[in-house]
Each structure stands twice: as C-alpha cells, then as structure tokens.
Protein backbone atom coordinates (compact mmCIF):
# COMPACT_ATOMS: atom_id res chain seq x y z
CA MET A 1 28.07 1.35 -14.74
CA ARG A 2 28.06 1.96 -11.00
CA ILE A 3 25.34 -0.13 -9.32
CA GLY A 4 24.21 0.37 -5.73
CA LEU A 5 22.11 -1.90 -3.55
CA TYR A 6 19.86 -0.48 -0.83
CA PRO A 7 18.56 -3.43 1.19
CA GLY A 8 15.79 -3.56 3.77
CA THR A 9 12.48 -5.09 4.71
CA PHE A 10 10.51 -1.94 3.81
CA ASP A 11 7.45 -3.02 5.81
CA PRO A 12 6.20 -0.48 4.84
CA ILE A 13 8.40 1.94 2.89
CA THR A 14 8.59 5.25 4.79
CA LEU A 15 9.57 8.81 3.96
CA GLY A 16 12.93 8.03 5.60
CA HIS A 17 13.52 5.21 3.12
CA ILE A 18 12.47 7.44 0.23
CA ASP A 19 14.89 10.14 1.41
CA ILE A 20 17.77 7.64 1.40
CA ILE A 21 16.74 6.30 -2.03
CA ARG A 22 16.62 9.82 -3.48
CA ARG A 23 20.05 10.68 -2.11
CA ALA A 24 21.59 7.33 -3.05
CA SER A 25 20.36 7.85 -6.62
CA ALA A 26 22.85 10.69 -6.96
CA LEU A 27 25.74 8.32 -6.20
CA VAL A 28 25.06 5.53 -8.70
CA ASP A 29 23.89 4.92 -12.24
CA LYS A 30 21.48 2.20 -11.15
CA LEU A 31 20.01 1.63 -7.71
CA VAL A 32 18.61 -1.75 -6.74
CA ILE A 33 16.18 -1.79 -3.83
CA GLY A 34 16.73 -5.18 -2.23
CA VAL A 35 13.55 -6.25 -0.46
CA ALA A 36 14.49 -8.77 2.19
CA ILE A 37 12.32 -11.82 2.61
CA ASN A 38 12.72 -12.16 6.36
CA ARG A 39 10.23 -14.69 7.66
CA ASP A 40 11.44 -14.15 11.25
CA LYS A 41 10.19 -10.55 11.27
CA GLY A 42 6.60 -11.52 10.40
CA PRO A 43 5.95 -8.59 8.06
CA MET A 44 2.58 -6.82 7.99
CA PHE A 45 2.66 -6.69 4.20
CA SER A 46 3.40 -9.59 1.88
CA LEU A 47 6.50 -9.49 -0.27
CA GLU A 48 4.36 -8.73 -3.31
CA GLU A 49 2.64 -5.82 -1.53
CA ARG A 50 5.95 -4.36 -0.34
CA VAL A 51 7.46 -4.66 -3.81
CA ALA A 52 4.41 -2.98 -5.37
CA MET A 53 4.50 -0.07 -2.90
CA ILE A 54 8.23 0.45 -3.50
CA GLU A 55 7.81 0.29 -7.29
CA VAL A 56 5.11 2.97 -7.20
CA GLU A 57 7.17 5.29 -5.00
CA CYS A 58 10.40 4.68 -6.93
CA ALA A 59 8.79 5.34 -10.32
CA LYS A 60 8.39 8.95 -9.22
CA LEU A 61 12.02 9.09 -8.08
CA THR A 62 13.30 7.64 -11.36
CA GLU A 63 11.48 10.43 -13.20
CA GLN A 64 12.93 13.07 -10.85
CA THR A 65 16.50 11.80 -10.67
CA GLY A 66 17.01 10.06 -14.00
CA THR A 67 18.61 7.14 -12.16
CA GLU A 68 17.33 3.67 -12.96
CA ILE A 69 15.75 2.22 -9.81
CA VAL A 70 14.69 -1.42 -9.72
CA VAL A 71 13.22 -3.60 -6.99
CA HIS A 72 14.77 -7.00 -6.29
CA PRO A 73 13.44 -9.38 -3.61
CA PHE A 74 16.11 -11.51 -1.93
CA GLU A 75 16.40 -14.18 0.74
CA ASN A 76 20.12 -14.91 0.69
CA LEU A 77 23.12 -13.21 2.29
CA LEU A 78 23.31 -9.51 1.56
CA ILE A 79 26.74 -9.89 -0.02
CA ASN A 80 25.38 -12.64 -2.29
CA CYS A 81 22.49 -10.38 -3.28
CA ALA A 82 25.05 -7.69 -4.15
CA HIS A 83 26.79 -10.22 -6.40
CA ASP A 84 23.45 -11.27 -7.96
CA VAL A 85 22.62 -7.71 -9.00
CA GLY A 86 26.18 -6.66 -9.87
CA ALA A 87 26.37 -4.05 -7.10
CA GLN A 88 29.72 -2.55 -6.14
CA ILE A 89 28.15 -0.44 -3.39
CA ILE A 90 25.78 -1.29 -0.55
CA VAL A 91 23.84 1.73 0.71
CA ARG A 92 22.73 1.78 4.33
CA GLY A 93 20.69 4.46 6.06
CA LEU A 94 21.54 5.56 9.58
CA ARG A 95 19.17 7.18 12.03
CA ALA A 96 21.07 7.05 15.32
CA VAL A 97 24.17 5.75 17.08
CA ALA A 98 22.42 2.43 17.78
CA ASP A 99 22.03 1.92 14.02
CA PHE A 100 25.74 2.53 13.52
CA GLU A 101 26.81 -0.12 16.02
CA TYR A 102 24.79 -2.80 14.25
CA GLU A 103 25.78 -1.60 10.79
CA TYR A 104 29.46 -1.48 11.76
CA GLN A 105 29.33 -5.20 12.58
CA MET A 106 27.56 -5.95 9.29
CA VAL A 107 30.18 -4.05 7.28
CA GLY A 108 32.96 -5.96 9.00
CA MET A 109 31.37 -9.30 8.16
CA ASN A 110 30.62 -8.26 4.57
CA ARG A 111 34.22 -7.04 4.11
CA VAL A 112 35.49 -10.48 5.13
CA LEU A 113 33.08 -12.14 2.69
CA ASP A 114 33.98 -9.78 -0.18
CA SER A 115 36.21 -6.76 0.30
CA SER A 116 35.47 -5.45 -3.21
CA VAL A 117 31.94 -4.38 -2.25
CA GLU A 118 31.93 -1.05 -0.43
CA THR A 119 29.30 0.06 2.07
CA VAL A 120 28.20 3.68 2.09
CA PHE A 121 26.27 5.13 5.01
CA LEU A 122 23.79 7.94 4.48
CA MET A 123 22.45 9.75 7.51
CA ALA A 124 18.73 10.25 7.44
CA GLU A 125 17.73 13.88 7.27
CA ALA A 126 16.89 15.27 10.70
CA ARG A 127 13.14 15.31 10.06
CA HIS A 128 13.25 11.59 9.18
CA GLN A 129 15.60 10.31 11.89
CA ALA A 130 12.86 9.04 14.20
CA ILE A 131 10.98 7.16 11.49
CA ALA A 132 11.10 3.38 11.70
CA SER A 133 8.70 1.03 9.93
CA LYS A 134 8.15 -0.87 13.17
CA LEU A 135 7.03 2.30 14.95
CA VAL A 136 4.89 3.43 12.01
CA LYS A 137 2.99 0.12 12.15
CA GLU A 138 2.55 0.35 15.92
CA ILE A 139 1.28 3.92 15.79
CA ALA A 140 -1.10 3.03 12.94
CA ARG A 141 -2.43 -0.02 14.82
CA LEU A 142 -3.22 2.21 17.79
CA ASP A 143 -5.09 4.75 15.64
CA GLY A 144 -2.27 7.30 15.63
CA ASP A 145 -1.62 9.63 12.72
CA VAL A 146 1.28 8.37 10.58
CA SER A 147 0.66 10.70 7.64
CA SER A 148 3.91 12.58 8.31
CA PHE A 149 5.92 9.34 8.12
CA VAL A 150 4.63 7.74 4.89
CA THR A 151 3.32 8.77 1.49
CA PRO A 152 -0.44 9.08 0.93
CA ARG A 153 -0.46 5.79 -1.03
CA VAL A 154 1.32 3.89 1.75
CA LEU A 155 -1.02 5.48 4.31
CA GLU A 156 -3.97 4.18 2.31
CA GLU A 157 -2.42 0.67 2.24
CA LEU A 158 -1.86 0.78 6.01
CA ARG A 159 -5.45 1.82 6.63
CA LYS A 160 -6.78 -0.94 4.39
CA ARG A 161 -4.60 -3.54 6.09
CA LEU A 162 -5.77 -2.43 9.52
CA GLY A 163 -9.43 -2.17 8.45
CA LYS A 164 -9.49 1.59 9.08
CA SER A 165 -10.35 2.92 5.63
C-alpha cells in the first residue's frame, strides 16, 4: 500500500489545501493529513478545531476519490511523522518560487535523515496560488470577504471565531 503524508498547520484549511489533497489522493492508496502542532505560530484555531475541520472536508473527498484520507496530529520532525504513519511519500504544495526555495531546503534535510522517503511537489492550481491561511485570517479579521478562499463550513468557523456571525 502506497501511503502519502501531506503535512501543514491548516489554520484554517483552505481551498488551496483541498485542491492539493484531492490531487494527492490520485497518487496514493492512503493519504495522511499531518496537522502540525506548532506552538510558535500561535494558531487561531486549536488543534482539535483544525482536525475537526479537516475531517469534515476530507470525508467528502474520500467519497469522491475512493482514497482513504486520515488526519494525524504531530509535533515531531516531519520525517519521524512519516515513519510513524508508514508514509513513503511526503506531499508538499507549491504556490510560488518563494515556496520552492524553502521546500528545497526541507527536502535536502529530509533526504539526509531518510533517503527512502520521497517528496512530491504539487503546484497549486492557478486560481488557488494566492491563497495562504495567514492571509485568509488577516482578511477575515479586517472584515474582508474570504468566501472564495475557504469552504462554507470553514467560513462559518472563521466568523464564529472572530465574533462576526
């Protein structure tokens, strides 16, 4: 069984993330969404809230693609998380050249730690390339419309969190 790991903070999950998940599902038999517990980032949503949002969105994708998609929180090295879930492939989404520079360094370090785990880059579709969770949160905080960047359920969660229901 080919297992892929798509890691991120997903604070919150965006349509760009969902696009990568959908496309990655075609490459593996099982896709693990690794939700990073990154205390330094100070996420807007708790780990439990992020996991719940991802599970709801991925349930729809599992039905559509037939690929098993599971959510797995982690706080260790990415390569160790890959070992924990049995992943042979790490999936990373790219939006721009700046993403590639950072990701290139990460791949190099991960290859030194374990050369048997491959990293696959998927370019975000053009309509999703500008979407970043950080920007979605900032736009939402300033009363901007983020409905074209997130699903209706995530939009509802953002509004509740910001007291703008």
